[in-house]
All heavy atoms as atom14 arrays in JSON, in Angstrom:
{
  "sequence": "ATGVAYLRLLADEGLSVEHAARLIEFRLAATD",
  "atom14_mask": [
    [1, 1, 1, 1, 1, 0, 0, 0, 0, 0, 0, 0, 0, 0],
    [1, 1, 1, 1, 1, 1, 1, 0, 0, 0, 0, 0, 0, 0],
    [1, 1, 1, 1, 0, 0, 0, 0, 0, 0, 0, 0, 0, 0],
    [1, 1, 1, 1, 1, 1, 1, 0, 0, 0, 0, 0, 0, 0],
    [1, 1, 1, 1, 1, 0, 0, 0, 0, 0, 0, 0, 0, 0],
    [1, 1, 1, 1, 1, 1, 1, 1, 1, 1, 1, 1, 0, 0],
    [1, 1, 1, 1, 1, 1, 1, 1, 0, 0, 0, 0, 0, 0],
    [1, 1, 1, 1, 1, 1, 1, 1, 1, 1, 1, 0, 0, 0],
    [1, 1, 1, 1, 1, 1, 1, 1, 0, 0, 0, 0, 0, 0],
    [1, 1, 1, 1, 1, 1, 1, 1, 0, 0, 0, 0, 0, 0],
    [1, 1, 1, 1, 1, 0, 0, 0, 0, 0, 0, 0, 0, 0],
    [1, 1, 1, 1, 1, 1, 1, 1, 0, 0, 0, 0, 0, 0],
    [1, 1, 1, 1, 1, 1, 1, 1, 1, 0, 0, 0, 0, 0],
    [1, 1, 1, 1, 0, 0, 0, 0, 0, 0, 0, 0, 0, 0],
    [1, 1, 1, 1, 1, 1, 1, 1, 0, 0, 0, 0, 0, 0],
    [1, 1, 1, 1, 1, 1, 0, 0, 0, 0, 0, 0, 0, 0],
    [1, 1, 1, 1, 1, 1, 1, 0, 0, 0, 0, 0, 0, 0],
    [1, 1, 1, 1, 1, 1, 1, 1, 1, 0, 0, 0, 0, 0],
    [1, 1, 1, 1, 1, 1, 1, 1, 1, 1, 0, 0, 0, 0],
    [1, 1, 1, 1, 1, 0, 0, 0, 0, 0, 0, 0, 0, 0],
    [1, 1, 1, 1, 1, 0, 0, 0, 0, 0, 0, 0, 0, 0],
    [1, 1, 1, 1, 1, 1, 1, 1, 1, 1, 1, 0, 0, 0],
    [1, 1, 1, 1, 1, 1, 1, 1, 0, 0, 0, 0, 0, 0],
    [1, 1, 1, 1, 1, 1, 1, 1, 0, 0, 0, 0, 0, 0],
    [1, 1, 1, 1, 1, 1, 1, 1, 1, 0, 0, 0, 0, 0],
    [1, 1, 1, 1, 1, 1, 1, 1, 1, 1, 1, 0, 0, 0],
    [1, 1, 1, 1, 1, 1, 1, 1, 1, 1, 1, 0, 0, 0],
    [1, 1, 1, 1, 1, 1, 1, 1, 0, 0, 0, 0, 0, 0],
    [1, 1, 1, 1, 1, 0, 0, 0, 0, 0, 0, 0, 0, 0],
    [1, 1, 1, 1, 1, 0, 0, 0, 0, 0, 0, 0, 0, 0],
    [1, 1, 1, 1, 1, 1, 1, 0, 0, 0, 0, 0, 0, 0],
    [1, 1, 1, 1, 1, 1, 1, 1, 0, 0, 0, 0, 0, 0]
  ],
  "atom14_positions": [
    [[8.98, 0.65, 0.26], [9.0, 1.48, 1.45], [7.77, 2.39, 1.48], [7.16, 2.61, 2.55], [10.27, 2.32, 1.5], [0.0, 0.0, 0.0], [0.0, 0.0, 0.0], [0.0, 0.0, 0.0], [0.0, 0.0, 0.0], [0.0, 0.0, 0.0], [0.0, 0.0, 0.0], [0.0, 0.0, 0.0], [0.0, 0.0, 0.0], [0.0, 0.0, 0.0]],
    [[7.39, 2.93, 0.33], [6.19, 3.77, 0.27], [4.95, 2.94, 0.55], [4.03, 3.39, 1.27], [6.09, 4.44, -1.11], [7.26, 5.24, -1.33], [4.86, 5.32, -1.2], [0.0, 0.0, 0.0], [0.0, 0.0, 0.0], [0.0, 0.0, 0.0], [0.0, 0.0, 0.0], [0.0, 0.0, 0.0], [0.0, 0.0, 0.0], [0.0, 0.0, 0.0]],
    [[4.89, 1.73, 0.02], [3.77, 0.84, 0.31], [3.66, 0.55, 1.79], [2.55, 0.52, 2.36], [0.0, 0.0, 0.0], [0.0, 0.0, 0.0], [0.0, 0.0, 0.0], [0.0, 0.0, 0.0], [0.0, 0.0, 0.0], [0.0, 0.0, 0.0], [0.0, 0.0, 0.0], [0.0, 0.0, 0.0], [0.0, 0.0, 0.0], [0.0, 0.0, 0.0]],
    [[4.79, 0.34, 2.45], [4.8, 0.1, 3.9], [4.25, 1.32, 4.64], [3.44, 1.19, 5.58], [6.22, -0.23, 4.38], [6.3, -0.21, 5.91], [6.66, -1.58, 3.85], [0.0, 0.0, 0.0], [0.0, 0.0, 0.0], [0.0, 0.0, 0.0], [0.0, 0.0, 0.0], [0.0, 0.0, 0.0], [0.0, 0.0, 0.0], [0.0, 0.0, 0.0]],
    [[4.67, 2.5, 4.21], [4.19, 3.72, 4.86], [2.68, 3.86, 4.7], [1.98, 4.27, 5.65], [4.89, 4.94, 4.26], [0.0, 0.0, 0.0], [0.0, 0.0, 0.0], [0.0, 0.0, 0.0], [0.0, 0.0, 0.0], [0.0, 0.0, 0.0], [0.0, 0.0, 0.0], [0.0, 0.0, 0.0], [0.0, 0.0, 0.0], [0.0, 0.0, 0.0]],
    [[2.15, 3.52, 3.54], [0.71, 3.6, 3.32], [-0.04, 2.59, 4.19], [-1.11, 2.89, 4.73], [0.38, 3.37, 1.85], [0.78, 4.5, 0.92], [1.41, 5.64, 1.41], [0.54, 4.43, -0.44], [1.79, 6.67, 0.56], [0.9, 5.46, -1.3], [1.53, 6.58, -0.8], [1.89, 7.6, -1.64], [0.0, 0.0, 0.0], [0.0, 0.0, 0.0]],
    [[0.52, 1.39, 4.33], [-0.1, 0.4, 5.21], [-0.19, 0.91, 6.64], [-1.2, 0.71, 7.33], [0.69, -0.91, 5.18], [0.62, -1.77, 3.91], [1.44, -3.03, 4.09], [-0.82, -2.12, 3.55], [0.0, 0.0, 0.0], [0.0, 0.0, 0.0], [0.0, 0.0, 0.0], [0.0, 0.0, 0.0], [0.0, 0.0, 0.0], [0.0, 0.0, 0.0]],
    [[0.86, 1.58, 7.1], [0.86, 2.1, 8.47], [-0.21, 3.18, 8.64], [-0.93, 3.22, 9.64], [2.24, 2.66, 8.8], [3.3, 1.58, 9.0], [4.68, 2.19, 9.14], [5.69, 1.17, 9.41], [6.95, 1.26, 9.03], [7.37, 2.32, 8.35], [7.8, 0.29, 9.3], [0.0, 0.0, 0.0], [0.0, 0.0, 0.0], [0.0, 0.0, 0.0]],
    [[-0.32, 4.06, 7.66], [-1.33, 5.12, 7.75], [-2.73, 4.54, 7.74], [-3.62, 5.0, 8.47], [-1.15, 6.11, 6.59], [0.09, 7.0, 6.62], [0.16, 7.85, 5.36], [0.11, 7.89, 7.85], [0.0, 0.0, 0.0], [0.0, 0.0, 0.0], [0.0, 0.0, 0.0], [0.0, 0.0, 0.0], [0.0, 0.0, 0.0], [0.0, 0.0, 0.0]],
    [[-2.93, 3.51, 6.91], [-4.25, 2.88, 6.83], [-4.56, 2.07, 8.09], [-5.71, 2.0, 8.53], [-4.33, 2.01, 5.59], [-4.29, 2.77, 4.25], [-4.12, 1.81, 3.09], [-5.55, 3.61, 4.06], [0.0, 0.0, 0.0], [0.0, 0.0, 0.0], [0.0, 0.0, 0.0], [0.0, 0.0, 0.0], [0.0, 0.0, 0.0], [0.0, 0.0, 0.0]],
    [[-3.52, 1.48, 8.67], [-3.72, 0.76, 9.92], [-4.15, 1.71, 11.03], [-4.97, 1.36, 11.9], [-2.44, 0.02, 10.32], [0.0, 0.0, 0.0], [0.0, 0.0, 0.0], [0.0, 0.0, 0.0], [0.0, 0.0, 0.0], [0.0, 0.0, 0.0], [0.0, 0.0, 0.0], [0.0, 0.0, 0.0], [0.0, 0.0, 0.0], [0.0, 0.0, 0.0]],
    [[-3.62, 2.93, 11.0], [-4.02, 3.94, 11.99], [-5.5, 4.3, 11.85], [-6.12, 4.79, 12.81], [-3.17, 5.2, 11.83], [-1.72, 4.98, 12.24], [-1.45, 4.0, 12.96], [-0.87, 5.8, 11.84], [0.0, 0.0, 0.0], [0.0, 0.0, 0.0], [0.0, 0.0, 0.0], [0.0, 0.0, 0.0], [0.0, 0.0, 0.0], [0.0, 0.0, 0.0]],
    [[-6.05, 4.04, 10.65], [-7.47, 4.31, 10.41], [-8.34, 3.09, 10.71], [-9.54, 3.11, 10.45], [-7.67, 4.75, 8.96], [-6.98, 6.05, 8.6], [-7.47, 7.22, 9.43], [-8.71, 7.33, 9.63], [-6.63, 8.02, 9.9], [0.0, 0.0, 0.0], [0.0, 0.0, 0.0], [0.0, 0.0, 0.0], [0.0, 0.0, 0.0], [0.0, 0.0, 0.0]],
    [[-7.71, 2.04, 11.22], [-8.46, 0.86, 11.62], [-8.61, -0.2, 10.56], [-9.36, -1.17, 10.76], [0.0, 0.0, 0.0], [0.0, 0.0, 0.0], [0.0, 0.0, 0.0], [0.0, 0.0, 0.0], [0.0, 0.0, 0.0], [0.0, 0.0, 0.0], [0.0, 0.0, 0.0], [0.0, 0.0, 0.0], [0.0, 0.0, 0.0], [0.0, 0.0, 0.0]],
    [[-7.9, -0.1, 9.43], [-8.02, -1.1, 8.37], [-7.08, -2.27, 8.65], [-5.96, -2.08, 9.14], [-7.69, -0.49, 7.01], [-8.86, 0.17, 6.26], [-9.32, 1.43, 6.99], [-8.46, 0.49, 4.81], [0.0, 0.0, 0.0], [0.0, 0.0, 0.0], [0.0, 0.0, 0.0], [0.0, 0.0, 0.0], [0.0, 0.0, 0.0], [0.0, 0.0, 0.0]],
    [[-7.51, -3.46, 8.28], [-6.63, -4.63, 8.36], [-5.6, -4.56, 7.25], [-5.74, -3.79, 6.28], [-7.45, -5.91, 8.21], [-7.99, -6.0, 6.9], [0.0, 0.0, 0.0], [0.0, 0.0, 0.0], [0.0, 0.0, 0.0], [0.0, 0.0, 0.0], [0.0, 0.0, 0.0], [0.0, 0.0, 0.0], [0.0, 0.0, 0.0], [0.0, 0.0, 0.0]],
    [[-4.55, -5.36, 7.37], [-3.51, -5.39, 6.35], [-4.1, -5.77, 4.99], [-3.8, -5.15, 3.97], [-2.38, -6.36, 6.75], [-1.39, -6.54, 5.61], [-1.68, -5.86, 7.99], [0.0, 0.0, 0.0], [0.0, 0.0, 0.0], [0.0, 0.0, 0.0], [0.0, 0.0, 0.0], [0.0, 0.0, 0.0], [0.0, 0.0, 0.0], [0.0, 0.0, 0.0]],
    [[-4.94, -6.82, 4.96], [-5.51, -7.28, 3.7], [-6.39, -6.2, 3.07], [-6.32, -5.96, 1.86], [-6.33, -8.55, 3.9], [-5.51, -9.8, 4.17], [-5.18, -9.97, 5.65], [-5.48, -9.04, 6.44], [-4.62, -11.02, 6.02], [0.0, 0.0, 0.0], [0.0, 0.0, 0.0], [0.0, 0.0, 0.0], [0.0, 0.0, 0.0], [0.0, 0.0, 0.0]],
    [[-7.2, -5.55, 3.89], [-8.1, -4.52, 3.37], [-7.29, -3.33, 2.86], [-7.58, -2.77, 1.79], [-9.07, -4.07, 4.46], [-10.28, -3.37, 3.93], [-11.33, -2.96, 4.72], [-10.6, -2.97, 2.66], [-12.25, -2.37, 3.99], [-11.82, -2.35, 2.74], [0.0, 0.0, 0.0], [0.0, 0.0, 0.0], [0.0, 0.0, 0.0], [0.0, 0.0, 0.0]],
    [[-6.27, -2.94, 3.61], [-5.43, -1.81, 3.2], [-4.7, -2.12, 1.9], [-4.62, -1.28, 1.0], [-4.44, -1.48, 4.31], [0.0, 0.0, 0.0], [0.0, 0.0, 0.0], [0.0, 0.0, 0.0], [0.0, 0.0, 0.0], [0.0, 0.0, 0.0], [0.0, 0.0, 0.0], [0.0, 0.0, 0.0], [0.0, 0.0, 0.0], [0.0, 0.0, 0.0]],
    [[-4.16, -3.34, 1.8], [-3.39, -3.7, 0.61], [-4.25, -3.67, -0.65], [-3.75, -3.36, -1.74], [-2.77, -5.08, 0.79], [0.0, 0.0, 0.0], [0.0, 0.0, 0.0], [0.0, 0.0, 0.0], [0.0, 0.0, 0.0], [0.0, 0.0, 0.0], [0.0, 0.0, 0.0], [0.0, 0.0, 0.0], [0.0, 0.0, 0.0], [0.0, 0.0, 0.0]],
    [[-5.52, -3.99, -0.51], [-6.4, -3.99, -1.69], [-6.65, -2.59, -2.24], [-7.1, -2.45, -3.39], [-7.72, -4.68, -1.34], [-7.62, -6.19, -1.21], [-9.0, -6.84, -1.3], [-9.85, -6.48, -0.17], [-9.89, -7.16, 0.99], [-9.11, -8.23, 1.14], [-10.71, -6.79, 1.96], [0.0, 0.0, 0.0], [0.0, 0.0, 0.0], [0.0, 0.0, 0.0]],
    [[-6.37, -1.57, -1.45], [-6.57, -0.19, -1.92], [-5.41, 0.32, -2.77], [-5.52, 1.38, -3.37], [-6.75, 0.74, -0.72], [-8.05, 0.64, 0.07], [-7.98, 1.53, 1.3], [-9.24, 1.02, -0.8], [0.0, 0.0, 0.0], [0.0, 0.0, 0.0], [0.0, 0.0, 0.0], [0.0, 0.0, 0.0], [0.0, 0.0, 0.0], [0.0, 0.0, 0.0]],
    [[-4.3, -0.42, -2.79], [-3.05, 0.09, -3.37], [-2.75, -0.6, -4.7], [-2.84, -1.82, -4.83], [-1.87, -0.14, -2.4], [-2.16, 0.49, -1.05], [-0.58, 0.43, -2.99], [-1.12, 0.16, 0.02], [0.0, 0.0, 0.0], [0.0, 0.0, 0.0], [0.0, 0.0, 0.0], [0.0, 0.0, 0.0], [0.0, 0.0, 0.0], [0.0, 0.0, 0.0]],
    [[-2.35, 0.22, -5.67], [-1.79, -0.3, -6.93], [-0.37, 0.23, -7.06], [-0.11, 1.41, -6.8], [-2.62, 0.11, -8.14], [-2.07, -0.44, -9.45], [-2.96, -0.14, -10.65], [-3.2, 1.07, -10.91], [-3.43, -1.07, -11.31], [0.0, 0.0, 0.0], [0.0, 0.0, 0.0], [0.0, 0.0, 0.0], [0.0, 0.0, 0.0], [0.0, 0.0, 0.0]],
    [[0.54, -0.63, -7.51], [1.94, -0.26, -7.67], [2.24, -0.02, -9.15], [1.75, -0.74, -10.02], [2.85, -1.36, -7.12], [2.74, -1.54, -5.64], [1.75, -2.35, -5.09], [3.61, -0.9, -4.78], [1.62, -2.51, -3.72], [3.5, -1.05, -3.4], [2.51, -1.86, -2.87], [0.0, 0.0, 0.0], [0.0, 0.0, 0.0], [0.0, 0.0, 0.0]],
    [[3.09, 0.96, -9.4], [3.45, 1.31, -10.78], [4.96, 1.24, -10.92], [5.69, 1.88, -10.15], [2.92, 2.71, -11.11], [2.96, 3.09, -12.57], [2.28, 4.44, -12.77], [0.85, 4.38, -12.47], [0.08, 5.45, -12.27], [0.61, 6.66, -12.31], [-1.21, 5.3, -12.02], [0.0, 0.0, 0.0], [0.0, 0.0, 0.0], [0.0, 0.0, 0.0]],
    [[5.44, 0.48, -11.88], [6.87, 0.31, -12.12], [7.21, 0.61, -13.57], [6.4, 0.4, -14.47], [7.31, -1.12, -11.8], [7.58, -1.52, -10.35], [7.96, -2.99, -10.29], [8.72, -0.68, -9.77], [0.0, 0.0, 0.0], [0.0, 0.0, 0.0], [0.0, 0.0, 0.0], [0.0, 0.0, 0.0], [0.0, 0.0, 0.0], [0.0, 0.0, 0.0]],
    [[8.44, 1.06, -13.8], [8.92, 1.33, -15.15], [9.47, 0.06, -15.77], [10.16, -0.73, -15.12], [9.99, 2.41, -15.14], [0.0, 0.0, 0.0], [0.0, 0.0, 0.0], [0.0, 0.0, 0.0], [0.0, 0.0, 0.0], [0.0, 0.0, 0.0], [0.0, 0.0, 0.0], [0.0, 0.0, 0.0], [0.0, 0.0, 0.0], [0.0, 0.0, 0.0]],
    [[9.17, -0.14, -17.05], [9.73, -1.24, -17.83], [10.66, -0.65, -18.88], [10.24, 0.22, -19.65], [8.61, -2.04, -18.5], [0.0, 0.0, 0.0], [0.0, 0.0, 0.0], [0.0, 0.0, 0.0], [0.0, 0.0, 0.0], [0.0, 0.0, 0.0], [0.0, 0.0, 0.0], [0.0, 0.0, 0.0], [0.0, 0.0, 0.0], [0.0, 0.0, 0.0]],
    [[11.9, -1.1, -18.91], [12.87, -0.54, -19.84], [13.19, -1.53, -20.95], [12.71, -2.67, -20.95], [14.18, -0.15, -19.12], [14.92, -1.37, -18.8], [13.9, 0.61, -17.85], [0.0, 0.0, 0.0], [0.0, 0.0, 0.0], [0.0, 0.0, 0.0], [0.0, 0.0, 0.0], [0.0, 0.0, 0.0], [0.0, 0.0, 0.0], [0.0, 0.0, 0.0]],
    [[14.05, -1.09, -21.88], [14.44, -1.96, -22.99], [15.58, -2.9, -22.6], [16.11, -3.61, -23.45], [14.85, -1.14, -24.22], [15.93, -0.12, -23.92], [16.37, -0.02, -22.74], [16.36, 0.59, -24.84], [0.0, 0.0, 0.0], [0.0, 0.0, 0.0], [0.0, 0.0, 0.0], [0.0, 0.0, 0.0], [0.0, 0.0, 0.0], [0.0, 0.0, 0.0]]
  ]
}
């Protein structure tokens, strides 16, 4: 959901989906 929100904000700045997505890195927790 946060990634989607960032795509929308970047689209408002005129970036394509592919270009916007390349700016984002996702971080997830790995458990035991």
